[in-house]
Amino acid sequence: MIKPAVGEISLQDLDADHLQSLYNSILDAGKSVRLAHLVHMLIFGALRQAKKGRKIRYNVAEDTELPPLQQKEIRPMTAGEQDRFIAALAGHPKGAAFGTKRGPAYGEVSSWACGGKT
């Protein structure tokens, strides 16, 4: 994906338009915005190292734009979903790593946190 798009271009000839075309092609191919951001982070880091090593004067990745990442809304499990999850873990060899008890919800105070007085 990266090499066919910009792999044959020397560091000195690489410009923001090359990178922007790469990012746009990722998105145009129906790939995720997250993938475009990961490719950008990889290239940005490589160019930062090239700049530190004085192979280039400027990191052209700074002049590109990507669409913002969309944050997915987090939905906590319902009590029933938690019960089914815990039951599924009971027979799993690594179930203990997840714990098998449902604790207090975020923000709730448990009796152990108050010295047994709630």
C-alpha atoms as a PDB file:
ATOM      1  CA  MET A   1       0.000   0.000   0.000  1.00  0.00           C
ATOM      2  CA  ILE A   2       2.690   2.517   0.974  1.00  0.00           C
ATOM      3  CA  LYS A   3       5.524   1.206  -1.174  1.00  0.00           C
ATOM      4  CA  PRO A   4       3.619   1.178  -4.483  1.00  0.00           C
ATOM      5  CA  ALA A   5       2.382   4.729  -3.834  1.00  0.00           C
ATOM      6  CA  VAL A   6       5.547   6.474  -2.641  1.00  0.00           C
ATOM      7  CA  GLY A   7       8.268   3.824  -2.403  1.00  0.00           C
ATOM      8  CA  GLU A   8      10.008   4.830  -5.615  1.00  0.00           C
ATOM      9  CA  ILE A   9      10.151   8.540  -4.709  1.00  0.00           C
ATOM     10  CA  SER A  10      13.374   9.772  -3.122  1.00  0.00           C
ATOM     11  CA  LEU A  11      13.123  11.506   0.246  1.00  0.00           C
ATOM     12  CA  GLN A  12      14.187  14.797  -1.282  1.00  0.00           C
ATOM     13  CA  ASP A  13      11.487  14.585  -3.988  1.00  0.00           C
ATOM     14  CA  LEU A  14       8.685  13.453  -1.704  1.00  0.00           C
ATOM     15  CA  ASP A  15       6.120  16.181  -1.121  1.00  0.00           C
ATOM     16  CA  ALA A  16       2.817  16.615   0.682  1.00  0.00           C
ATOM     17  CA  ASP A  17       0.854  16.038  -2.540  1.00  0.00           C
ATOM     18  CA  HIS A  18       2.305  12.529  -2.835  1.00  0.00           C
ATOM     19  CA  LEU A  19       1.278  11.721   0.707  1.00  0.00           C
ATOM     20  CA  GLN A  20      -2.134  13.345   0.399  1.00  0.00           C
ATOM     21  CA  SER A  21      -2.780  11.243  -2.734  1.00  0.00           C
ATOM     22  CA  LEU A  22      -1.824   8.127  -0.779  1.00  0.00           C
ATOM     23  CA  TYR A  23      -4.187   8.966   2.093  1.00  0.00           C
ATOM     24  CA  ASN A  24      -6.990   9.841  -0.321  1.00  0.00           C
ATOM     25  CA  SER A  25      -6.511   6.565  -2.213  1.00  0.00           C
ATOM     26  CA  ILE A  26      -6.844   4.642   1.047  1.00  0.00           C
ATOM     27  CA  LEU A  27     -10.135   6.374   1.798  1.00  0.00           C
ATOM     28  CA  ASP A  28     -11.364   6.122  -1.819  1.00  0.00           C
ATOM     29  CA  ALA A  29     -10.753   2.360  -1.700  1.00  0.00           C
ATOM     30  CA  GLY A  30     -13.257   2.153   1.135  1.00  0.00           C
ATOM     31  CA  LYS A  31     -10.670   1.578   3.843  1.00  0.00           C
ATOM     32  CA  SER A  32     -11.159   3.109   7.262  1.00  0.00           C
ATOM     33  CA  VAL A  33     -10.157   6.566   8.402  1.00  0.00           C
ATOM     34  CA  ARG A  34      -8.248   4.791  11.165  1.00  0.00           C
ATOM     35  CA  LEU A  35      -6.079   3.006   8.583  1.00  0.00           C
ATOM     36  CA  ALA A  36      -5.282   6.316   6.886  1.00  0.00           C
ATOM     37  CA  HIS A  37      -4.272   7.723  10.280  1.00  0.00           C
ATOM     38  CA  LEU A  38      -2.068   4.697  11.019  1.00  0.00           C
ATOM     39  CA  VAL A  39      -0.312   5.023   7.657  1.00  0.00           C
ATOM     40  CA  HIS A  40       0.164   8.745   8.335  1.00  0.00           C
ATOM     41  CA  MET A  41       1.647   8.046  11.778  1.00  0.00           C
ATOM     42  CA  LEU A  42       4.087   5.551  10.272  1.00  0.00           C
ATOM     43  CA  ILE A  43       5.198   7.903   7.501  1.00  0.00           C
ATOM     44  CA  PHE A  44       5.297  10.922   9.816  1.00  0.00           C
ATOM     45  CA  GLY A  45       7.561   9.035  12.225  1.00  0.00           C
ATOM     46  CA  ALA A  46       9.865   7.860   9.453  1.00  0.00           C
ATOM     47  CA  LEU A  47      10.171  11.389   8.080  1.00  0.00           C
ATOM     48  CA  ARG A  48      10.794  12.750  11.572  1.00  0.00           C
ATOM     49  CA  GLN A  49      13.724  10.333  11.872  1.00  0.00           C
ATOM     50  CA  ALA A  50      14.986  11.366   8.425  1.00  0.00           C
ATOM     51  CA  LYS A  51      14.844  15.001   9.537  1.00  0.00           C
ATOM     52  CA  LYS A  52      16.755  14.201  12.745  1.00  0.00           C
ATOM     53  CA  GLY A  53      19.351  12.429  10.630  1.00  0.00           C
ATOM     54  CA  ARG A  54      19.534  15.507   8.406  1.00  0.00           C
ATOM     55  CA  LYS A  55      18.466  13.590   5.328  1.00  0.00           C
ATOM     56  CA  ILE A  56      15.629  16.079   4.785  1.00  0.00           C
ATOM     57  CA  ARG A  57      15.030  19.629   6.012  1.00  0.00           C
ATOM     58  CA  TYR A  58      11.283  19.460   6.483  1.00  0.00           C
ATOM     59  CA  ASN A  59       8.728  16.785   7.336  1.00  0.00           C
ATOM     60  CA  VAL A  60       6.242  17.092   4.461  1.00  0.00           C
ATOM     61  CA  ALA A  61       3.742  14.903   6.331  1.00  0.00           C
ATOM     62  CA  GLU A  62       3.013  17.978   8.460  1.00  0.00           C
ATOM     63  CA  ASP A  63       1.307  19.561   5.442  1.00  0.00           C
ATOM     64  CA  THR A  64      -1.275  16.829   4.890  1.00  0.00           C
ATOM     65  CA  GLU A  65      -4.841  16.631   6.159  1.00  0.00           C
ATOM     66  CA  LEU A  66      -6.857  13.655   7.239  1.00  0.00           C
ATOM     67  CA  PRO A  67     -10.491  13.482   8.235  1.00  0.00           C
ATOM     68  CA  PRO A  68     -10.995  13.317  11.988  1.00  0.00           C
ATOM     69  CA  LEU A  69     -11.299   9.965  13.681  1.00  0.00           C
ATOM     70  CA  GLN A  70     -14.828   9.159  14.766  1.00  0.00           C
ATOM     71  CA  GLN A  71     -15.167   8.021  18.340  1.00  0.00           C
ATOM     72  CA  LYS A  72     -17.615   5.186  18.830  1.00  0.00           C
ATOM     73  CA  GLU A  73     -20.069   5.633  21.638  1.00  0.00           C
ATOM     74  CA  ILE A  74     -19.346   3.282  24.509  1.00  0.00           C
ATOM     75  CA  ARG A  75     -22.348   1.429  25.844  1.00  0.00           C
ATOM     76  CA  PRO A  76     -21.885  -0.397  29.120  1.00  0.00           C
ATOM     77  CA  MET A  77     -23.241  -3.915  29.360  1.00  0.00           C
ATOM     78  CA  THR A  78     -26.604  -4.369  30.988  1.00  0.00           C
ATOM     79  CA  ALA A  79     -26.845  -6.494  34.128  1.00  0.00           C
ATOM     80  CA  GLY A  80     -28.170  -9.381  32.026  1.00  0.00           C
ATOM     81  CA  GLU A  81     -25.302  -9.076  29.540  1.00  0.00           C
ATOM     82  CA  GLN A  82     -22.829  -9.034  32.429  1.00  0.00           C
ATOM     83  CA  ASP A  83     -24.386 -12.166  33.893  1.00  0.00           C
ATOM     84  CA  ARG A  84     -24.157 -13.993  30.535  1.00  0.00           C
ATOM     85  CA  PHE A  85     -20.551 -12.823  30.099  1.00  0.00           C
ATOM     86  CA  ILE A  86     -19.559 -14.019  33.573  1.00  0.00           C
ATOM     87  CA  ALA A  87     -21.323 -17.353  33.011  1.00  0.00           C
ATOM     88  CA  ALA A  88     -19.446 -17.830  29.731  1.00  0.00           C
ATOM     89  CA  LEU A  89     -16.142 -17.128  31.490  1.00  0.00           C
ATOM     90  CA  ALA A  90     -16.811 -19.634  34.265  1.00  0.00           C
ATOM     91  CA  GLY A  91     -15.887 -22.591  32.064  1.00  0.00           C
ATOM     92  CA  HIS A  92     -13.150 -20.866  30.095  1.00  0.00           C
ATOM     93  CA  PRO A  93      -9.521 -21.732  30.988  1.00  0.00           C
ATOM     94  CA  LYS A  94      -8.590 -18.040  31.118  1.00  0.00           C
ATOM     95  CA  GLY A  95     -11.830 -16.870  32.677  1.00  0.00           C
ATOM     96  CA  ALA A  96     -10.102 -15.990  35.957  1.00  0.00           C
ATOM     97  CA  ALA A  97      -8.111 -13.301  34.155  1.00  0.00           C
ATOM     98  CA  PHE A  98     -11.361 -11.393  33.643  1.00  0.00           C
ATOM     99  CA  GLY A  99     -12.710 -11.981  37.120  1.00  0.00           C
ATOM    100  CA  THR A 100     -15.997 -13.673  37.784  1.00  0.00           C
ATOM    101  CA  LYS A 101     -17.750 -11.154  40.015  1.00  0.00           C
ATOM    102  CA  ARG A 102     -19.558  -8.033  38.982  1.00  0.00           C
ATOM    103  CA  GLY A 103     -18.282  -5.050  40.940  1.00  0.00           C
ATOM    104  CA  PRO A 104     -19.802  -1.660  41.616  1.00  0.00           C
ATOM    105  CA  ALA A 105     -20.595   0.548  38.689  1.00  0.00           C
ATOM    106  CA  TYR A 106     -18.267   3.424  37.942  1.00  0.00           C
ATOM    107  CA  GLY A 107     -18.796   6.147  40.519  1.00  0.00           C
ATOM    108  CA  GLU A 108     -20.521   3.908  43.038  1.00  0.00           C
ATOM    109  CA  VAL A 109     -18.942   3.549  46.445  1.00  0.00           C
ATOM    110  CA  SER A 110     -18.576   0.041  47.799  1.00  0.00           C
ATOM    111  CA  SER A 111     -18.517  -0.884  51.461  1.00  0.00           C
ATOM    112  CA  TRP A 112     -14.809  -1.812  51.379  1.00  0.00           C
ATOM    113  CA  ALA A 113     -13.926   1.688  50.156  1.00  0.00           C
ATOM    114  CA  CYS A 114     -15.677   3.239  53.155  1.00  0.00           C
ATOM    115  CA  GLY A 115     -14.296   0.892  55.777  1.00  0.00           C
ATOM    116  CA  GLY A 116     -17.475  -1.182  55.745  1.00  0.00           C
ATOM    117  CA  LYS A 117     -19.799   1.790  56.275  1.00  0.00           C
ATOM    118  CA  THR A 118     -22.102   2.607  53.364  1.00  0.00           C
END
